Amino acid sequence: MGSVGEIVERIVALEASHPIRVGIDGFCAAGKTTLGDALGLALRARGRTVIRACGDDFQNPREIRHQLGDRSGEGFFRHAMNFRALRDELLDPLGPKGCLAYRTSVYDVFASRMNLSPQLQATPTQILLLDGLFLHVPELTGCFEFTVFVHADYETCIARARTRRQERYRDPEQIEALYRDRYVPGFELYLAEVQPAARASTTLTTS
């Protein structure tokens, strides 16, 4: 298990002819974004230029995400993320055979509409910090030079989500029901099928 400092040291030690791609995986509200932001600050302090992206901006439209029902755990795991777009627009362009022209968004999940961000040009020395769900699935094999699996128990994550009033709901009870009905069962499928903690370069537990 790593700390922010240890993770930074391991990232800066990596060598590649293209941007280093770091994936920060974990359950909803586990602390992925917080870790990504902390790593970004630490890497910039080391003189590195960071590209920051979030998997939430590569979700599928509602008709795909909810094709098994809006409370389906299997639907959450199988259909929430647009892995093809994530590869085509961000991960592959920054990879060993990439053109370095990338986007950090294709969809606005809250507005339920396409949101194609401007295409930017990376340099080979930059570091991508991508936080998101299900980043260790086979569809993304070979897309990262380093990954972190962020672990937090479900009750902690649900408590955080209730406090933040996440999702499209204002009522904390509705948020909790969504987590228990859809997100937790879906993430349990991911853990069982993919075993992301075993595949990650390192793990980090939040509380």
N, C-alpha and C. Protein backbone atom coordinates (compact mmCIF):
# COMPACT_ATOMS: atom_id res chain seq x y z
N MET A 1 0.84 -1.20 0.00
CA MET A 1 0.00 0.00 0.00
C MET A 1 0.87 1.24 0.00
N GLY A 2 0.44 2.28 -0.71
CA GLY A 2 1.26 3.47 -0.84
C GLY A 2 0.66 4.68 -0.17
N SER A 3 1.49 5.70 -0.02
CA SER A 3 1.05 7.02 0.41
C SER A 3 1.18 7.95 -0.79
N VAL A 4 0.68 9.17 -0.65
CA VAL A 4 0.80 10.13 -1.76
C VAL A 4 2.27 10.32 -2.13
N GLY A 5 3.12 10.50 -1.13
CA GLY A 5 4.53 10.71 -1.40
C GLY A 5 5.17 9.53 -2.10
N GLU A 6 4.85 8.33 -1.64
CA GLU A 6 5.41 7.13 -2.26
C GLU A 6 4.92 6.96 -3.69
N ILE A 7 3.65 7.25 -3.91
CA ILE A 7 3.10 7.13 -5.26
C ILE A 7 3.77 8.12 -6.20
N VAL A 8 3.97 9.35 -5.73
CA VAL A 8 4.64 10.36 -6.56
C VAL A 8 6.05 9.89 -6.93
N GLU A 9 6.78 9.36 -5.97
CA GLU A 9 8.14 8.90 -6.24
C GLU A 9 8.14 7.81 -7.30
N ARG A 10 7.20 6.92 -7.23
CA ARG A 10 7.14 5.84 -8.22
C ARG A 10 6.76 6.36 -9.60
N ILE A 11 5.87 7.35 -9.64
CA ILE A 11 5.47 7.91 -10.93
C ILE A 11 6.63 8.65 -11.60
N VAL A 12 7.32 9.49 -10.86
CA VAL A 12 8.40 10.29 -11.46
C VAL A 12 9.57 9.41 -11.88
N ALA A 13 9.67 8.22 -11.32
CA ALA A 13 10.74 7.30 -11.70
C ALA A 13 10.47 6.58 -13.01
N LEU A 14 9.22 6.65 -13.48
CA LEU A 14 8.86 5.96 -14.72
C LEU A 14 9.44 6.70 -15.93
N GLU A 15 9.82 5.94 -16.93
CA GLU A 15 10.35 6.53 -18.16
C GLU A 15 9.54 6.03 -19.35
N ALA A 16 9.22 6.94 -20.24
CA ALA A 16 8.48 6.59 -21.45
C ALA A 16 8.72 7.66 -22.50
N SER A 17 8.47 7.32 -23.74
CA SER A 17 8.61 8.28 -24.84
C SER A 17 7.32 9.04 -25.09
N HIS A 18 6.36 8.85 -24.22
CA HIS A 18 5.05 9.48 -24.33
C HIS A 18 4.60 9.85 -22.92
N PRO A 19 3.49 10.57 -22.76
CA PRO A 19 3.04 10.91 -21.41
C PRO A 19 2.80 9.67 -20.55
N ILE A 20 3.18 9.75 -19.29
CA ILE A 20 2.88 8.70 -18.34
C ILE A 20 1.39 8.76 -18.01
N ARG A 21 0.70 7.64 -18.17
CA ARG A 21 -0.74 7.60 -17.94
C ARG A 21 -1.01 6.89 -16.61
N VAL A 22 -1.58 7.65 -15.68
CA VAL A 22 -1.86 7.14 -14.34
C VAL A 22 -3.37 7.01 -14.17
N GLY A 23 -3.84 5.83 -13.82
CA GLY A 23 -5.25 5.59 -13.57
C GLY A 23 -5.53 5.45 -12.08
N ILE A 24 -6.52 6.17 -11.59
CA ILE A 24 -6.90 6.14 -10.18
C ILE A 24 -8.30 5.55 -10.10
N ASP A 25 -8.37 4.30 -9.66
CA ASP A 25 -9.59 3.50 -9.71
C ASP A 25 -10.17 3.37 -8.30
N GLY A 26 -11.45 3.06 -8.23
CA GLY A 26 -12.08 2.85 -6.94
C GLY A 26 -13.57 3.10 -7.01
N PHE A 27 -14.25 2.83 -5.91
CA PHE A 27 -15.70 2.99 -5.83
C PHE A 27 -16.10 4.46 -5.81
N CYS A 28 -17.37 4.72 -6.06
CA CYS A 28 -17.91 6.08 -5.99
C CYS A 28 -17.67 6.67 -4.60
N ALA A 29 -17.15 7.89 -4.55
CA ALA A 29 -16.89 8.61 -3.30
C ALA A 29 -15.82 7.95 -2.44
N ALA A 30 -14.97 7.12 -3.06
CA ALA A 30 -13.88 6.49 -2.30
C ALA A 30 -12.73 7.45 -2.02
N GLY A 31 -12.66 8.55 -2.79
CA GLY A 31 -11.57 9.50 -2.63
C GLY A 31 -10.66 9.57 -3.83
N LYS A 32 -11.13 9.11 -4.98
CA LYS A 32 -10.31 9.09 -6.20
C LYS A 32 -9.93 10.50 -6.65
N THR A 33 -10.90 11.39 -6.70
CA THR A 33 -10.64 12.75 -7.16
C THR A 33 -9.73 13.49 -6.19
N THR A 34 -9.96 13.29 -4.90
CA THR A 34 -9.10 13.92 -3.90
C THR A 34 -7.67 13.46 -4.05
N LEU A 35 -7.48 12.16 -4.27
CA LEU A 35 -6.12 11.64 -4.48
C LEU A 35 -5.52 12.21 -5.76
N GLY A 36 -6.30 12.24 -6.83
CA GLY A 36 -5.78 12.79 -8.09
C GLY A 36 -5.34 14.23 -7.95
N ASP A 37 -6.12 15.02 -7.24
CA ASP A 37 -5.76 16.42 -7.03
C ASP A 37 -4.49 16.54 -6.19
N ALA A 38 -4.36 15.70 -5.16
CA ALA A 38 -3.17 15.73 -4.31
C ALA A 38 -1.93 15.31 -5.10
N LEU A 39 -2.07 14.29 -5.92
CA LEU A 39 -0.94 13.87 -6.76
C LEU A 39 -0.56 14.97 -7.75
N GLY A 40 -1.57 15.64 -8.29
CA GLY A 40 -1.29 16.73 -9.21
C GLY A 40 -0.48 17.84 -8.58
N LEU A 41 -0.88 18.24 -7.37
CA LEU A 41 -0.14 19.28 -6.65
C LEU A 41 1.30 18.86 -6.40
N ALA A 42 1.47 17.61 -5.95
CA ALA A 42 2.81 17.13 -5.63
C ALA A 42 3.68 17.01 -6.88
N LEU A 43 3.10 16.56 -7.97
CA LEU A 43 3.88 16.42 -9.21
C LEU A 43 4.25 17.79 -9.78
N ARG A 44 3.34 18.74 -9.70
CA ARG A 44 3.66 20.09 -10.18
C ARG A 44 4.77 20.70 -9.34
N ALA A 45 4.76 20.40 -8.05
CA ALA A 45 5.82 20.90 -7.18
C ALA A 45 7.18 20.31 -7.55
N ARG A 46 7.14 19.17 -8.23
CA ARG A 46 8.37 18.54 -8.72
C ARG A 46 8.74 19.00 -10.12
N GLY A 47 7.98 19.98 -10.63
CA GLY A 47 8.29 20.53 -11.93
C GLY A 47 7.65 19.79 -13.10
N ARG A 48 6.71 18.89 -12.83
CA ARG A 48 6.07 18.14 -13.90
C ARG A 48 4.75 18.80 -14.30
N THR A 49 4.42 18.69 -15.57
CA THR A 49 3.17 19.22 -16.08
C THR A 49 2.13 18.11 -16.12
N VAL A 50 0.96 18.39 -15.58
CA VAL A 50 -0.06 17.36 -15.37
C VAL A 50 -1.27 17.62 -16.26
N ILE A 51 -1.81 16.54 -16.82
CA ILE A 51 -3.11 16.56 -17.48
C ILE A 51 -4.09 15.90 -16.53
N ARG A 52 -5.15 16.59 -16.18
CA ARG A 52 -6.13 16.07 -15.22
C ARG A 52 -7.41 15.71 -15.96
N ALA A 53 -7.93 14.53 -15.71
CA ALA A 53 -9.17 14.10 -16.35
C ALA A 53 -9.97 13.22 -15.39
N CYS A 54 -11.28 13.12 -15.67
CA CYS A 54 -12.19 12.35 -14.82
C CYS A 54 -13.03 11.41 -15.68
N GLY A 55 -13.13 10.18 -15.26
CA GLY A 55 -13.92 9.21 -16.01
C GLY A 55 -15.39 9.57 -16.10
N ASP A 56 -15.90 10.36 -15.17
CA ASP A 56 -17.30 10.79 -15.24
C ASP A 56 -17.62 11.50 -16.55
N ASP A 57 -16.62 12.08 -17.17
CA ASP A 57 -16.81 12.81 -18.42
C ASP A 57 -16.74 11.90 -19.64
N PHE A 58 -16.69 10.59 -19.39
CA PHE A 58 -16.69 9.60 -20.47
C PHE A 58 -17.76 8.54 -20.20
N GLN A 59 -18.87 8.95 -19.60
CA GLN A 59 -19.96 8.02 -19.38
C GLN A 59 -20.82 7.90 -20.63
N ASN A 60 -21.59 6.84 -20.68
CA ASN A 60 -22.52 6.64 -21.79
C ASN A 60 -23.78 7.46 -21.58
N PRO A 61 -24.51 7.76 -22.67
CA PRO A 61 -25.82 8.41 -22.53
C PRO A 61 -26.77 7.55 -21.70
N ARG A 62 -27.79 8.19 -21.18
CA ARG A 62 -28.72 7.51 -20.26
C ARG A 62 -29.35 6.28 -20.88
N GLU A 63 -29.68 6.33 -22.18
CA GLU A 63 -30.35 5.19 -22.79
C GLU A 63 -29.44 3.95 -22.84
N ILE A 64 -28.14 4.17 -22.81
CA ILE A 64 -27.20 3.05 -22.75
C ILE A 64 -26.93 2.68 -21.29
N ARG A 65 -26.68 3.67 -20.44
CA ARG A 65 -26.38 3.41 -19.03
C ARG A 65 -27.51 2.65 -18.34
N HIS A 66 -28.75 3.00 -18.71
CA HIS A 66 -29.91 2.45 -18.00
C HIS A 66 -30.66 1.41 -18.82
N GLN A 67 -30.01 0.78 -19.77
CA GLN A 67 -30.71 -0.17 -20.62
C GLN A 67 -31.19 -1.40 -19.85
N LEU A 68 -30.60 -1.69 -18.70
CA LEU A 68 -31.08 -2.77 -17.85
C LEU A 68 -31.91 -2.25 -16.68
N GLY A 69 -32.22 -0.97 -16.71
CA GLY A 69 -32.96 -0.34 -15.62
C GLY A 69 -32.07 0.59 -14.83
N ASP A 70 -32.67 1.65 -14.28
CA ASP A 70 -31.85 2.66 -13.62
C ASP A 70 -31.38 2.25 -12.23
N ARG A 71 -31.80 1.07 -11.76
CA ARG A 71 -31.32 0.56 -10.47
C ARG A 71 -30.55 -0.76 -10.63
N SER A 72 -30.21 -1.10 -11.85
CA SER A 72 -29.52 -2.36 -12.09
C SER A 72 -28.03 -2.26 -11.75
N GLY A 73 -27.57 -3.10 -10.82
CA GLY A 73 -26.15 -3.14 -10.52
C GLY A 73 -25.34 -3.64 -11.69
N GLU A 74 -25.84 -4.66 -12.39
CA GLU A 74 -25.13 -5.16 -13.56
C GLU A 74 -25.05 -4.10 -14.64
N GLY A 75 -26.14 -3.34 -14.81
CA GLY A 75 -26.12 -2.26 -15.79
C GLY A 75 -25.09 -1.20 -15.45
N PHE A 76 -24.94 -0.91 -14.17
CA PHE A 76 -23.92 0.05 -13.73
C PHE A 76 -22.53 -0.41 -14.15
N PHE A 77 -22.20 -1.66 -13.88
CA PHE A 77 -20.88 -2.18 -14.23
C PHE A 77 -20.70 -2.31 -15.73
N ARG A 78 -21.69 -2.87 -16.41
CA ARG A 78 -21.52 -3.18 -17.84
C ARG A 78 -21.65 -1.97 -18.76
N HIS A 79 -22.49 -0.99 -18.35
CA HIS A 79 -22.89 0.01 -19.34
C HIS A 79 -22.68 1.47 -18.93
N ALA A 80 -22.17 1.72 -17.74
CA ALA A 80 -22.02 3.13 -17.32
C ALA A 80 -20.96 3.85 -18.13
N MET A 81 -19.83 3.19 -18.37
CA MET A 81 -18.68 3.88 -18.95
C MET A 81 -18.54 3.62 -20.45
N ASN A 82 -18.14 4.67 -21.16
CA ASN A 82 -17.86 4.56 -22.59
C ASN A 82 -16.35 4.34 -22.76
N PHE A 83 -15.94 3.10 -22.60
CA PHE A 83 -14.51 2.80 -22.64
C PHE A 83 -13.90 3.05 -24.02
N ARG A 84 -14.70 2.86 -25.06
CA ARG A 84 -14.19 3.10 -26.41
C ARG A 84 -13.82 4.56 -26.60
N ALA A 85 -14.69 5.46 -26.16
CA ALA A 85 -14.40 6.89 -26.26
C ALA A 85 -13.22 7.27 -25.37
N LEU A 86 -13.16 6.66 -24.18
CA LEU A 86 -12.05 6.95 -23.28
C LEU A 86 -10.72 6.60 -23.92
N ARG A 87 -10.68 5.48 -24.60
CA ARG A 87 -9.46 5.10 -25.31
C ARG A 87 -9.20 6.01 -26.52
N ASP A 88 -10.22 6.18 -27.34
CA ASP A 88 -10.02 6.90 -28.60
C ASP A 88 -9.65 8.36 -28.39
N GLU A 89 -10.26 9.00 -27.40
CA GLU A 89 -10.09 10.44 -27.24
C GLU A 89 -9.00 10.83 -26.24
N LEU A 90 -8.65 9.92 -25.32
CA LEU A 90 -7.70 10.31 -24.27
C LEU A 90 -6.54 9.35 -24.12
N LEU A 91 -6.81 8.09 -23.85
CA LEU A 91 -5.74 7.18 -23.46
C LEU A 91 -4.84 6.77 -24.62
N ASP A 92 -5.42 6.38 -25.74
CA ASP A 92 -4.60 5.95 -26.88
C ASP A 92 -3.80 7.10 -27.49
N PRO A 93 -4.37 8.31 -27.64
CA PRO A 93 -3.56 9.42 -28.17
C PRO A 93 -2.34 9.73 -27.31
N LEU A 94 -2.41 9.45 -26.02
CA LEU A 94 -1.27 9.72 -25.13
C LEU A 94 -0.36 8.51 -24.98
N GLY A 95 -0.67 7.43 -25.66
CA GLY A 95 0.10 6.20 -25.55
C GLY A 95 1.28 6.13 -26.50
N PRO A 96 1.94 4.99 -26.56
CA PRO A 96 3.19 4.86 -27.32
C PRO A 96 3.05 5.09 -28.81
N LYS A 97 1.87 4.84 -29.37
CA LYS A 97 1.66 5.06 -30.80
C LYS A 97 0.69 6.21 -31.06
N GLY A 98 0.50 7.05 -30.05
CA GLY A 98 -0.49 8.12 -30.14
C GLY A 98 0.01 9.37 -30.83
N CYS A 99 -0.95 10.20 -31.23
CA CYS A 99 -0.66 11.46 -31.91
C CYS A 99 -0.51 12.63 -30.94
N LEU A 100 -0.78 12.40 -29.65
CA LEU A 100 -0.70 13.39 -28.57
C LEU A 100 -1.83 14.42 -28.59
N ALA A 101 -2.78 14.28 -29.53
CA ALA A 101 -3.94 15.17 -29.57
C ALA A 101 -5.07 14.49 -28.80
N TYR A 102 -5.53 15.10 -27.72
CA TYR A 102 -6.45 14.42 -26.81
C TYR A 102 -7.59 15.33 -26.39
N ARG A 103 -8.65 14.72 -25.84
CA ARG A 103 -9.77 15.43 -25.24
C ARG A 103 -9.97 14.89 -23.82
N THR A 104 -10.51 15.73 -22.96
CA THR A 104 -10.76 15.32 -21.58
C THR A 104 -12.24 15.12 -21.28
N SER A 105 -13.09 15.24 -22.28
CA SER A 105 -14.52 15.06 -22.05
C SER A 105 -15.23 14.73 -23.36
N VAL A 106 -16.22 13.84 -23.27
CA VAL A 106 -17.09 13.59 -24.41
C VAL A 106 -18.57 13.71 -24.05
N TYR A 107 -18.89 13.67 -22.73
CA TYR A 107 -20.30 13.64 -22.34
C TYR A 107 -20.49 14.30 -20.99
N ASP A 108 -21.58 15.08 -20.87
CA ASP A 108 -21.96 15.69 -19.60
C ASP A 108 -23.10 14.86 -19.01
N VAL A 109 -22.77 14.04 -18.00
CA VAL A 109 -23.75 13.10 -17.48
C VAL A 109 -24.87 13.82 -16.73
N PHE A 110 -24.60 14.98 -16.15
CA PHE A 110 -25.62 15.69 -15.38
C PHE A 110 -26.61 16.41 -16.29
N ALA A 111 -26.11 16.93 -17.42
CA ALA A 111 -26.99 17.59 -18.39
C ALA A 111 -27.55 16.61 -19.42
N SER A 112 -27.04 15.37 -19.40
CA SER A 112 -27.48 14.33 -20.35
C SER A 112 -27.34 14.79 -21.80
N ARG A 113 -26.14 15.26 -22.13
CA ARG A 113 -25.87 15.68 -23.51
C ARG A 113 -24.39 15.51 -23.82
N MET A 114 -24.10 15.45 -25.11
CA MET A 114 -22.71 15.37 -25.53
C MET A 114 -21.96 16.62 -25.09
N ASN A 115 -20.71 16.45 -24.73
CA ASN A 115 -19.88 17.57 -24.30
C ASN A 115 -18.45 17.31 -24.75
N LEU A 116 -18.22 17.47 -26.04
CA LEU A 116 -16.91 17.20 -26.63
C LEU A 116 -15.99 18.38 -26.35
N SER A 117 -15.01 18.16 -25.50
CA SER A 117 -14.10 19.24 -25.11
C SER A 117 -13.15 19.57 -26.26
N PRO A 118 -12.53 20.75 -26.23
CA PRO A 118 -11.56 21.09 -27.27
C PRO A 118 -10.42 20.07 -27.31
N GLN A 119 -9.90 19.84 -28.49
CA GLN A 119 -8.75 18.94 -28.62
C GLN A 119 -7.47 19.70 -28.28
N LEU A 120 -6.70 19.13 -27.37
CA LEU A 120 -5.47 19.73 -26.91
C LEU A 120 -4.28 18.90 -27.37
N GLN A 121 -3.12 19.50 -27.36
CA GLN A 121 -1.91 18.80 -27.79
C GLN A 121 -0.98 18.60 -26.59
N ALA A 122 -0.69 17.36 -26.29
CA ALA A 122 0.18 17.03 -25.17
C ALA A 122 1.64 17.06 -25.60
N THR A 123 2.51 17.07 -24.61
CA THR A 123 3.94 16.87 -24.85
C THR A 123 4.34 15.55 -24.20
N PRO A 124 5.39 14.90 -24.69
CA PRO A 124 5.75 13.57 -24.19
C PRO A 124 6.11 13.52 -22.72
N THR A 125 6.45 14.66 -22.12
CA THR A 125 6.88 14.64 -20.72
C THR A 125 5.74 14.87 -19.73
N GLN A 126 4.54 15.07 -20.21
CA GLN A 126 3.42 15.31 -19.31
C GLN A 126 2.98 14.02 -18.60
N ILE A 127 2.19 14.19 -17.55
CA ILE A 127 1.65 13.06 -16.80
C ILE A 127 0.14 13.19 -16.75
N LEU A 128 -0.56 12.16 -17.21
CA LEU A 128 -2.02 12.12 -17.13
C LEU A 128 -2.42 11.53 -15.80
N LEU A 129 -3.30 12.22 -15.09
CA LEU A 129 -3.93 11.70 -13.88
C LEU A 129 -5.42 11.56 -14.16
N LEU A 130 -5.87 10.33 -14.36
CA LEU A 130 -7.27 10.05 -14.66
C LEU A 130 -7.89 9.31 -13.49
N ASP A 131 -8.90 9.91 -12.84
CA ASP A 131 -9.64 9.19 -11.82
C ASP A 131 -10.96 8.73 -12.40
N GLY A 132 -11.34 7.50 -12.08
CA GLY A 132 -12.58 6.99 -12.65
C GLY A 132 -12.94 5.61 -12.16
N LEU A 133 -14.10 5.15 -12.61
CA LEU A 133 -14.62 3.83 -12.26
C LEU A 133 -14.11 2.77 -13.22
N PHE A 134 -13.89 1.58 -12.71
CA PHE A 134 -13.68 0.38 -13.52
C PHE A 134 -12.45 0.47 -14.44
N LEU A 135 -11.41 1.13 -14.01
CA LEU A 135 -10.27 1.39 -14.89
C LEU A 135 -9.39 0.16 -15.14
N HIS A 136 -9.66 -0.92 -14.41
CA HIS A 136 -8.87 -2.14 -14.63
C HIS A 136 -9.59 -3.18 -15.48
N VAL A 137 -10.68 -2.80 -16.14
CA VAL A 137 -11.39 -3.74 -16.99
C VAL A 137 -10.52 -4.14 -18.19
N PRO A 138 -10.77 -5.33 -18.76
CA PRO A 138 -9.97 -5.76 -19.92
C PRO A 138 -9.98 -4.78 -21.08
N GLU A 139 -11.07 -4.03 -21.23
CA GLU A 139 -11.15 -3.06 -22.34
C GLU A 139 -10.07 -1.98 -22.25
N LEU A 140 -9.49 -1.78 -21.08
CA LEU A 140 -8.46 -0.75 -20.91
C LEU A 140 -7.08 -1.34 -20.65
N THR A 141 -6.91 -2.61 -20.92
CA THR A 141 -5.60 -3.25 -20.73
C THR A 141 -4.54 -2.55 -21.58
N GLY A 142 -3.42 -2.25 -20.96
CA GLY A 142 -2.31 -1.61 -21.66
C GLY A 142 -2.42 -0.11 -21.79
N CYS A 143 -3.45 0.49 -21.16
CA CYS A 143 -3.68 1.93 -21.31
C CYS A 143 -3.01 2.77 -20.23
N PHE A 144 -2.41 2.14 -19.23
CA PHE A 144 -1.80 2.88 -18.12
C PHE A 144 -0.39 2.37 -17.84
N GLU A 145 0.46 3.31 -17.49
CA GLU A 145 1.79 2.94 -17.01
C GLU A 145 1.79 2.70 -15.50
N PHE A 146 0.79 3.25 -14.82
CA PHE A 146 0.71 3.12 -13.36
C PHE A 146 -0.74 3.26 -12.96
N THR A 147 -1.18 2.42 -12.02
CA THR A 147 -2.55 2.54 -11.52
C THR A 147 -2.57 2.46 -9.99
N VAL A 148 -3.57 3.12 -9.43
CA VAL A 148 -3.83 3.08 -7.99
C VAL A 148 -5.26 2.60 -7.80
N PHE A 149 -5.43 1.65 -6.89
CA PHE A 149 -6.79 1.28 -6.50
C PHE A 149 -7.06 1.87 -5.13
N VAL A 150 -8.05 2.77 -5.07
CA VAL A 150 -8.41 3.45 -3.82
C VAL A 150 -9.53 2.67 -3.15
N HIS A 151 -9.26 2.23 -1.93
CA HIS A 151 -10.24 1.45 -1.19
C HIS A 151 -10.84 2.28 -0.05
N ALA A 152 -12.17 2.24 0.04
CA ALA A 152 -12.89 2.78 1.20
C ALA A 152 -14.12 1.90 1.39
N ASP A 153 -14.49 1.63 2.63
CA ASP A 153 -15.64 0.76 2.85
C ASP A 153 -16.91 1.46 2.37
N TYR A 154 -17.89 0.66 2.00
CA TYR A 154 -19.11 1.18 1.40
C TYR A 154 -19.85 2.15 2.31
N GLU A 155 -19.88 1.89 3.60
CA GLU A 155 -20.60 2.78 4.50
C GLU A 155 -19.96 4.17 4.52
N THR A 156 -18.64 4.21 4.47
CA THR A 156 -17.94 5.51 4.40
C THR A 156 -18.30 6.24 3.12
N CYS A 157 -18.30 5.52 2.01
CA CYS A 157 -18.62 6.14 0.72
C CYS A 157 -20.05 6.66 0.68
N ILE A 158 -20.97 5.88 1.22
CA ILE A 158 -22.37 6.30 1.24
C ILE A 158 -22.55 7.53 2.12
N ALA A 159 -21.87 7.56 3.25
CA ALA A 159 -21.96 8.73 4.13
C ALA A 159 -21.42 9.97 3.42
N ARG A 160 -20.33 9.83 2.69
CA ARG A 160 -19.78 10.96 1.94
C ARG A 160 -20.75 11.42 0.88
N ALA A 161 -21.35 10.48 0.17
CA ALA A 161 -22.29 10.83 -0.90
C ALA A 161 -23.50 11.56 -0.34
N ARG A 162 -24.01 11.10 0.79
CA ARG A 162 -25.16 11.78 1.41
C ARG A 162 -24.81 13.22 1.79
N THR A 163 -23.61 13.43 2.31
CA THR A 163 -23.19 14.76 2.72
C THR A 163 -23.03 15.69 1.52
N ARG A 164 -22.48 15.14 0.44
CA ARG A 164 -22.22 15.95 -0.75
C ARG A 164 -23.45 16.17 -1.61
N ARG A 165 -24.53 15.45 -1.31
CA ARG A 165 -25.73 15.50 -2.16
C ARG A 165 -25.37 15.17 -3.60
N GLN A 166 -24.67 14.05 -3.77
CA GLN A 166 -24.21 13.66 -5.09
C GLN A 166 -25.37 13.23 -5.98
N GLU A 167 -25.04 13.03 -7.23
CA GLU A 167 -25.98 12.57 -8.25
C GLU A 167 -27.02 13.65 -8.55
N ARG A 168 -28.12 13.23 -9.14
CA ARG A 168 -29.17 14.19 -9.52
C ARG A 168 -30.18 14.40 -8.41
N TYR A 169 -29.98 13.73 -7.27
CA TYR A 169 -30.93 13.80 -6.18
C TYR A 169 -30.51 14.82 -5.13
N ARG A 170 -31.48 15.48 -4.53
CA ARG A 170 -31.22 16.38 -3.41
C ARG A 170 -31.45 15.68 -2.06
N ASP A 171 -32.28 14.67 -2.08
CA ASP A 171 -32.64 13.96 -0.85
C ASP A 171 -31.57 12.92 -0.52
N PRO A 172 -30.91 13.03 0.63
CA PRO A 172 -29.88 12.05 1.00
C PRO A 172 -30.40 10.62 1.02
N GLU A 173 -31.68 10.42 1.35
CA GLU A 173 -32.24 9.07 1.37
C GLU A 173 -32.28 8.47 -0.03
N GLN A 174 -32.60 9.29 -1.00
CA GLN A 174 -32.61 8.82 -2.39
C GLN A 174 -31.19 8.47 -2.86
N ILE A 175 -30.23 9.29 -2.45
CA ILE A 175 -28.84 9.03 -2.81
C ILE A 175 -28.39 7.70 -2.22
N GLU A 176 -28.70 7.49 -0.95
CA GLU A 176 -28.30 6.24 -0.30
C GLU A 176 -28.95 5.04 -0.97
N ALA A 177 -30.22 5.15 -1.33
CA ALA A 177 -30.91 4.05 -1.99
C ALA A 177 -30.26 3.71 -3.33
N LEU A 178 -29.86 4.74 -4.07
CA LEU A 178 -29.19 4.52 -5.36
C LEU A 178 -27.88 3.76 -5.16
N TYR A 179 -27.13 4.16 -4.15
CA TYR A 179 -25.87 3.46 -3.86
C TYR A 179 -26.13 2.00 -3.50
N ARG A 180 -27.08 1.76 -2.63
CA ARG A 180 -27.31 0.39 -2.15
C ARG A 180 -27.95 -0.49 -3.23
N ASP A 181 -28.81 0.09 -4.05
CA ASP A 181 -29.51 -0.69 -5.06
C ASP A 181 -28.68 -0.94 -6.32
N ARG A 182 -27.90 0.08 -6.73
CA ARG A 182 -27.21 0.01 -8.02
C ARG A 182 -25.69 -0.01 -7.90
N TYR A 183 -25.15 0.96 -7.20
CA TYR A 183 -23.70 1.13 -7.22
C TYR A 183 -22.94 0.05 -6.47
N VAL A 184 -23.39 -0.28 -5.27
CA VAL A 184 -22.68 -1.32 -4.51
C VAL A 184 -22.76 -2.68 -5.22
N PRO A 185 -23.95 -3.15 -5.63
CA PRO A 185 -23.98 -4.44 -6.34
C PRO A 185 -23.15 -4.44 -7.63
N GLY A 186 -23.18 -3.32 -8.36
CA GLY A 186 -22.39 -3.24 -9.59
C GLY A 186 -20.90 -3.28 -9.32
N PHE A 187 -20.47 -2.60 -8.28
CA PHE A 187 -19.05 -2.61 -7.95
C PHE A 187 -18.61 -3.96 -7.42
N GLU A 188 -19.51 -4.65 -6.73
CA GLU A 188 -19.20 -6.00 -6.27
C GLU A 188 -18.97 -6.93 -7.46
N LEU A 189 -19.73 -6.77 -8.53
CA LEU A 189 -19.50 -7.55 -9.75
C LEU A 189 -18.10 -7.26 -10.31
N TYR A 190 -17.75 -6.00 -10.34
CA TYR A 190 -16.41 -5.59 -10.82
C TYR A 190 -15.32 -6.23 -9.98
N LEU A 191 -15.45 -6.17 -8.67
CA LEU A 191 -14.44 -6.76 -7.79
C LEU A 191 -14.31 -8.25 -8.04
N ALA A 192 -15.44 -8.93 -8.20
CA ALA A 192 -15.41 -10.37 -8.38
C ALA A 192 -14.82 -10.78 -9.72
N GLU A 193 -15.17 -10.06 -10.77
CA GLU A 193 -14.74 -10.44 -12.12
C GLU A 193 -13.32 -9.96 -12.45
N VAL A 194 -12.96 -8.78 -11.99
CA VAL A 194 -11.72 -8.15 -12.44
C VAL A 194 -10.62 -8.19 -11.39
N GLN A 195 -10.98 -8.17 -10.12
CA GLN A 195 -10.01 -8.13 -9.02
C GLN A 195 -9.01 -6.97 -9.19
N PRO A 196 -9.53 -5.75 -9.22
CA PRO A 196 -8.69 -4.59 -9.53
C PRO A 196 -7.56 -4.34 -8.54
N ALA A 197 -7.78 -4.63 -7.27
CA ALA A 197 -6.72 -4.38 -6.29
C ALA A 197 -5.49 -5.23 -6.58
N ALA A 198 -5.71 -6.44 -7.08
CA ALA A 198 -4.58 -7.31 -7.42
C ALA A 198 -3.88 -6.86 -8.70
N ARG A 199 -4.59 -6.17 -9.57
CA ARG A 199 -4.01 -5.71 -10.84
C ARG A 199 -3.33 -4.35 -10.72
N ALA A 200 -3.69 -3.58 -9.70
CA ALA A 200 -3.17 -2.22 -9.57
C ALA A 200 -1.68 -2.21 -9.24
N SER A 201 -1.01 -1.11 -9.61
CA SER A 201 0.40 -0.93 -9.26
C SER A 201 0.54 -0.77 -7.75
N THR A 202 -0.44 -0.13 -7.13
CA THR A 202 -0.46 0.03 -5.68
C THR A 202 -1.88 0.27 -5.23
N THR A 203 -2.13 0.17 -3.93
CA THR A 203 -3.44 0.46 -3.38
C THR A 203 -3.30 1.51 -2.29
N LEU A 204 -4.41 2.20 -2.02
CA LEU A 204 -4.43 3.20 -0.97
C LEU A 204 -5.79 3.14 -0.30
N THR A 205 -5.82 3.10 1.01
CA THR A 205 -7.06 3.03 1.76
C THR A 205 -7.38 4.39 2.35
N THR A 206 -8.61 4.85 2.14
CA THR A 206 -9.06 6.11 2.71
C THR A 206 -10.08 5.84 3.80
N SER A 207 -10.31 6.80 4.66
CA SER A 207 -11.26 6.62 5.74
C SER A 207 -12.06 7.91 5.95
